[in-house]
Amino acid sequence: MPAIPPLASRDRRVLRTHILTELERVDEALCSSAAGSPATQQLAADRSRLADVLARTEVETFGVCGLCGSFVGVERLLALPDTDRCSACAPLLRQPYR
């Protein structure tokens, strides 16, 4: 299997800009929400997740599927920034109904 090229710096900048915009939106919502409310707790969790994704964008393997090793795709990363699966492998993680 050929090596997957690292995420292009232009694509990485687009993703980082998108994530930073979302972080700003969450921060604004946190400032206007009541402390201790369920909504505030969810916003804090969202902010933590986005901060983790922002840090992961600096890792060379960001954007590479953890199952098959193919490129996840910029469009998918914009829609689901914390994904580590390509669209072909994502259904493989779902548990069958019992």
N, C-alpha and C. Protein backbone atom coordinates (compact mmCIF):
# COMPACT_ATOMS: atom_id res chain seq x y z
N MET A 1 0.85 -1.17 0.00
CA MET A 1 0.00 0.00 0.00
C MET A 1 0.90 1.24 0.00
N PRO A 2 0.64 2.19 -0.90
CA PRO A 2 1.46 3.40 -0.93
C PRO A 2 1.24 4.25 0.32
N ALA A 3 2.27 4.98 0.68
CA ALA A 3 2.16 5.85 1.86
C ALA A 3 1.16 6.97 1.61
N ILE A 4 0.41 7.32 2.62
CA ILE A 4 -0.54 8.42 2.53
C ILE A 4 0.22 9.72 2.76
N PRO A 5 0.09 10.67 1.83
CA PRO A 5 0.80 11.93 2.05
C PRO A 5 0.20 12.67 3.24
N PRO A 6 1.02 13.44 3.96
CA PRO A 6 0.47 14.20 5.07
C PRO A 6 -0.57 15.20 4.57
N LEU A 7 -1.46 15.58 5.45
CA LEU A 7 -2.50 16.55 5.12
C LEU A 7 -1.82 17.82 4.62
N ALA A 8 -2.25 18.32 3.47
CA ALA A 8 -1.66 19.51 2.89
C ALA A 8 -1.80 20.68 3.86
N SER A 9 -0.79 21.54 3.89
CA SER A 9 -0.82 22.65 4.83
C SER A 9 -2.02 23.56 4.59
N ARG A 10 -2.45 23.72 3.34
CA ARG A 10 -3.62 24.53 3.04
C ARG A 10 -4.87 23.90 3.66
N ASP A 11 -5.02 22.59 3.50
CA ASP A 11 -6.16 21.89 4.08
C ASP A 11 -6.13 21.94 5.60
N ARG A 12 -4.94 21.83 6.16
CA ARG A 12 -4.78 21.89 7.61
C ARG A 12 -5.21 23.27 8.11
N ARG A 13 -4.84 24.34 7.38
CA ARG A 13 -5.24 25.70 7.76
C ARG A 13 -6.75 25.87 7.69
N VAL A 14 -7.38 25.31 6.65
CA VAL A 14 -8.84 25.39 6.52
C VAL A 14 -9.51 24.71 7.71
N LEU A 15 -9.04 23.54 8.06
CA LEU A 15 -9.61 22.80 9.19
C LEU A 15 -9.41 23.54 10.51
N ARG A 16 -8.20 24.07 10.71
CA ARG A 16 -7.93 24.80 11.94
C ARG A 16 -8.81 26.04 12.04
N THR A 17 -8.99 26.76 10.94
CA THR A 17 -9.86 27.94 10.92
C THR A 17 -11.29 27.56 11.28
N HIS A 18 -11.76 26.47 10.70
CA HIS A 18 -13.12 25.98 10.98
C HIS A 18 -13.27 25.64 12.46
N ILE A 19 -12.30 24.95 13.02
CA ILE A 19 -12.36 24.55 14.42
C ILE A 19 -12.27 25.77 15.33
N LEU A 20 -11.40 26.72 15.00
CA LEU A 20 -11.29 27.94 15.81
C LEU A 20 -12.59 28.74 15.80
N THR A 21 -13.26 28.78 14.65
CA THR A 21 -14.55 29.46 14.56
C THR A 21 -15.58 28.78 15.46
N GLU A 22 -15.59 27.46 15.45
CA GLU A 22 -16.51 26.72 16.31
C GLU A 22 -16.18 26.94 17.79
N LEU A 23 -14.89 27.00 18.12
CA LEU A 23 -14.49 27.26 19.50
C LEU A 23 -14.98 28.64 19.96
N GLU A 24 -14.87 29.64 19.09
CA GLU A 24 -15.36 30.98 19.42
C GLU A 24 -16.87 30.96 19.65
N ARG A 25 -17.60 30.23 18.82
CA ARG A 25 -19.05 30.13 18.97
C ARG A 25 -19.41 29.48 20.30
N VAL A 26 -18.69 28.41 20.65
CA VAL A 26 -18.95 27.72 21.92
C VAL A 26 -18.59 28.62 23.10
N ASP A 27 -17.48 29.35 23.00
CA ASP A 27 -17.08 30.26 24.08
C ASP A 27 -18.14 31.34 24.31
N GLU A 28 -18.68 31.90 23.23
CA GLU A 28 -19.73 32.91 23.35
C GLU A 28 -20.98 32.32 24.02
N ALA A 29 -21.34 31.11 23.62
CA ALA A 29 -22.50 30.45 24.22
C ALA A 29 -22.25 30.15 25.70
N LEU A 30 -21.03 29.77 26.04
CA LEU A 30 -20.70 29.50 27.44
C LEU A 30 -20.83 30.77 28.29
N CYS A 31 -20.41 31.90 27.74
CA CYS A 31 -20.49 33.16 28.48
C CYS A 31 -21.93 33.56 28.76
N SER A 32 -22.84 33.20 27.86
CA SER A 32 -24.23 33.63 28.02
C SER A 32 -25.12 32.57 28.69
N SER A 33 -24.55 31.41 29.04
CA SER A 33 -25.38 30.37 29.67
C SER A 33 -25.22 30.38 31.18
N ALA A 34 -26.20 29.84 31.85
CA ALA A 34 -26.20 29.79 33.31
C ALA A 34 -25.20 28.75 33.81
N ALA A 35 -24.40 29.14 34.78
CA ALA A 35 -23.40 28.22 35.34
C ALA A 35 -24.08 27.01 35.96
N GLY A 36 -23.51 25.83 35.70
CA GLY A 36 -24.02 24.60 36.30
C GLY A 36 -25.20 23.97 35.59
N SER A 37 -25.74 24.63 34.58
CA SER A 37 -26.89 24.06 33.87
C SER A 37 -26.45 22.92 32.96
N PRO A 38 -27.36 22.03 32.59
CA PRO A 38 -27.01 20.96 31.66
C PRO A 38 -26.47 21.50 30.33
N ALA A 39 -27.03 22.61 29.88
CA ALA A 39 -26.56 23.20 28.62
C ALA A 39 -25.10 23.66 28.76
N THR A 40 -24.77 24.24 29.89
CA THR A 40 -23.39 24.68 30.13
C THR A 40 -22.45 23.49 30.18
N GLN A 41 -22.88 22.42 30.80
CA GLN A 41 -22.04 21.22 30.88
C GLN A 41 -21.80 20.64 29.48
N GLN A 42 -22.84 20.65 28.63
CA GLN A 42 -22.68 20.15 27.27
C GLN A 42 -21.74 21.05 26.47
N LEU A 43 -21.89 22.36 26.63
CA LEU A 43 -21.01 23.30 25.93
C LEU A 43 -19.56 23.12 26.37
N ALA A 44 -19.35 22.89 27.66
CA ALA A 44 -17.99 22.66 28.16
C ALA A 44 -17.40 21.39 27.56
N ALA A 45 -18.22 20.35 27.44
CA ALA A 45 -17.76 19.10 26.82
C ALA A 45 -17.44 19.32 25.35
N ASP A 46 -18.29 20.09 24.65
CA ASP A 46 -18.04 20.39 23.24
C ASP A 46 -16.73 21.17 23.09
N ARG A 47 -16.51 22.13 23.99
CA ARG A 47 -15.30 22.94 23.91
C ARG A 47 -14.07 22.07 24.12
N SER A 48 -14.14 21.16 25.07
CA SER A 48 -13.02 20.26 25.34
C SER A 48 -12.73 19.38 24.12
N ARG A 49 -13.79 18.86 23.51
CA ARG A 49 -13.62 18.00 22.32
C ARG A 49 -12.99 18.79 21.18
N LEU A 50 -13.46 20.01 20.95
CA LEU A 50 -12.90 20.84 19.87
C LEU A 50 -11.44 21.20 20.14
N ALA A 51 -11.11 21.48 21.40
CA ALA A 51 -9.72 21.79 21.75
C ALA A 51 -8.82 20.58 21.49
N ASP A 52 -9.33 19.38 21.80
CA ASP A 52 -8.57 18.16 21.53
C ASP A 52 -8.35 17.98 20.03
N VAL A 53 -9.39 18.22 19.25
CA VAL A 53 -9.27 18.09 17.79
C VAL A 53 -8.27 19.12 17.25
N LEU A 54 -8.32 20.33 17.76
CA LEU A 54 -7.39 21.36 17.33
C LEU A 54 -5.95 20.92 17.58
N ALA A 55 -5.70 20.32 18.73
CA ALA A 55 -4.36 19.82 19.03
C ALA A 55 -3.98 18.67 18.10
N ARG A 56 -4.94 17.82 17.76
CA ARG A 56 -4.66 16.68 16.88
C ARG A 56 -4.32 17.11 15.46
N THR A 57 -4.76 18.30 15.04
CA THR A 57 -4.47 18.74 13.67
C THR A 57 -2.97 18.92 13.45
N GLU A 58 -2.21 19.02 14.53
CA GLU A 58 -0.76 19.17 14.42
C GLU A 58 -0.04 17.83 14.28
N VAL A 59 -0.74 16.75 14.56
CA VAL A 59 -0.15 15.42 14.46
C VAL A 59 -0.15 14.98 13.00
N GLU A 60 0.93 14.38 12.57
CA GLU A 60 1.08 14.02 11.16
C GLU A 60 0.04 13.02 10.68
N THR A 61 -0.47 12.19 11.55
CA THR A 61 -1.44 11.17 11.15
C THR A 61 -2.88 11.69 11.15
N PHE A 62 -3.10 12.96 11.48
CA PHE A 62 -4.45 13.52 11.46
C PHE A 62 -4.98 13.46 10.03
N GLY A 63 -6.19 12.94 9.87
CA GLY A 63 -6.79 12.82 8.55
C GLY A 63 -6.54 11.48 7.89
N VAL A 64 -5.91 10.56 8.60
CA VAL A 64 -5.65 9.22 8.09
C VAL A 64 -6.55 8.25 8.86
N CYS A 65 -7.24 7.39 8.12
CA CYS A 65 -8.16 6.43 8.73
C CYS A 65 -7.40 5.47 9.65
N GLY A 66 -7.93 5.29 10.85
CA GLY A 66 -7.30 4.39 11.81
C GLY A 66 -7.48 2.92 11.50
N LEU A 67 -8.40 2.59 10.58
CA LEU A 67 -8.60 1.18 10.22
C LEU A 67 -7.86 0.78 8.95
N CYS A 68 -8.09 1.53 7.87
CA CYS A 68 -7.51 1.11 6.59
C CYS A 68 -6.29 1.93 6.17
N GLY A 69 -6.06 3.09 6.82
CA GLY A 69 -4.89 3.90 6.50
C GLY A 69 -5.08 4.84 5.32
N SER A 70 -6.29 4.92 4.76
CA SER A 70 -6.51 5.83 3.64
C SER A 70 -6.82 7.23 4.17
N PHE A 71 -6.81 8.21 3.27
CA PHE A 71 -7.08 9.59 3.64
C PHE A 71 -8.56 9.74 3.96
N VAL A 72 -8.89 10.37 5.06
CA VAL A 72 -10.28 10.54 5.48
C VAL A 72 -11.01 11.50 4.57
N GLY A 73 -10.37 12.55 4.15
CA GLY A 73 -10.97 13.54 3.26
C GLY A 73 -11.31 14.83 4.00
N VAL A 74 -10.99 15.93 3.39
CA VAL A 74 -11.19 17.24 4.01
C VAL A 74 -12.66 17.50 4.28
N GLU A 75 -13.53 17.15 3.33
CA GLU A 75 -14.97 17.40 3.51
C GLU A 75 -15.49 16.66 4.74
N ARG A 76 -15.06 15.42 4.91
CA ARG A 76 -15.49 14.63 6.06
C ARG A 76 -14.93 15.22 7.36
N LEU A 77 -13.68 15.67 7.33
CA LEU A 77 -13.08 16.26 8.52
C LEU A 77 -13.75 17.58 8.90
N LEU A 78 -14.20 18.34 7.90
CA LEU A 78 -14.93 19.57 8.20
C LEU A 78 -16.27 19.26 8.85
N ALA A 79 -16.92 18.22 8.38
CA ALA A 79 -18.23 17.85 8.94
C ALA A 79 -18.09 17.16 10.30
N LEU A 80 -17.08 16.32 10.43
CA LEU A 80 -16.85 15.53 11.65
C LEU A 80 -15.39 15.67 12.06
N PRO A 81 -15.00 16.80 12.63
CA PRO A 81 -13.57 17.03 12.87
C PRO A 81 -12.90 16.03 13.80
N ASP A 82 -13.66 15.34 14.64
CA ASP A 82 -13.02 14.39 15.55
C ASP A 82 -13.03 12.96 15.03
N THR A 83 -13.41 12.77 13.77
CA THR A 83 -13.43 11.42 13.22
C THR A 83 -12.01 10.93 12.94
N ASP A 84 -11.82 9.65 13.08
CA ASP A 84 -10.55 9.04 12.69
C ASP A 84 -10.81 7.86 11.75
N ARG A 85 -11.96 7.92 11.08
CA ARG A 85 -12.35 6.86 10.13
C ARG A 85 -12.79 7.48 8.81
N CYS A 86 -12.43 6.83 7.70
CA CYS A 86 -12.92 7.27 6.40
C CYS A 86 -14.38 6.84 6.26
N SER A 87 -15.04 7.33 5.24
CA SER A 87 -16.46 7.00 5.08
C SER A 87 -16.68 5.52 4.78
N ALA A 88 -15.69 4.86 4.20
CA ALA A 88 -15.84 3.43 3.92
C ALA A 88 -15.73 2.59 5.19
N CYS A 89 -14.90 3.01 6.15
CA CYS A 89 -14.69 2.23 7.36
C CYS A 89 -15.64 2.61 8.50
N ALA A 90 -16.23 3.78 8.45
CA ALA A 90 -17.11 4.22 9.54
C ALA A 90 -18.24 3.24 9.82
N PRO A 91 -18.92 2.69 8.81
CA PRO A 91 -20.00 1.73 9.11
C PRO A 91 -19.50 0.45 9.78
N LEU A 92 -18.23 0.12 9.64
CA LEU A 92 -17.70 -1.10 10.22
C LEU A 92 -17.66 -1.03 11.76
N LEU A 93 -17.73 0.18 12.30
CA LEU A 93 -17.67 0.34 13.75
C LEU A 93 -19.02 0.22 14.42
N ARG A 94 -20.07 0.30 13.65
CA ARG A 94 -21.42 0.23 14.23
C ARG A 94 -21.73 -1.19 14.69
N GLN A 95 -22.33 -1.28 15.84
CA GLN A 95 -22.72 -2.58 16.39
C GLN A 95 -24.03 -3.03 15.74
N PRO A 96 -24.17 -4.29 15.39
CA PRO A 96 -25.44 -4.77 14.85
C PRO A 96 -26.54 -4.74 15.92
N TYR A 97 -27.75 -4.56 15.49
CA TYR A 97 -28.88 -4.59 16.42
C TYR A 97 -29.10 -6.02 16.88
N ARG A 98 -29.47 -6.16 18.13
CA ARG A 98 -29.70 -7.50 18.67
C ARG A 98 -31.13 -7.69 18.98
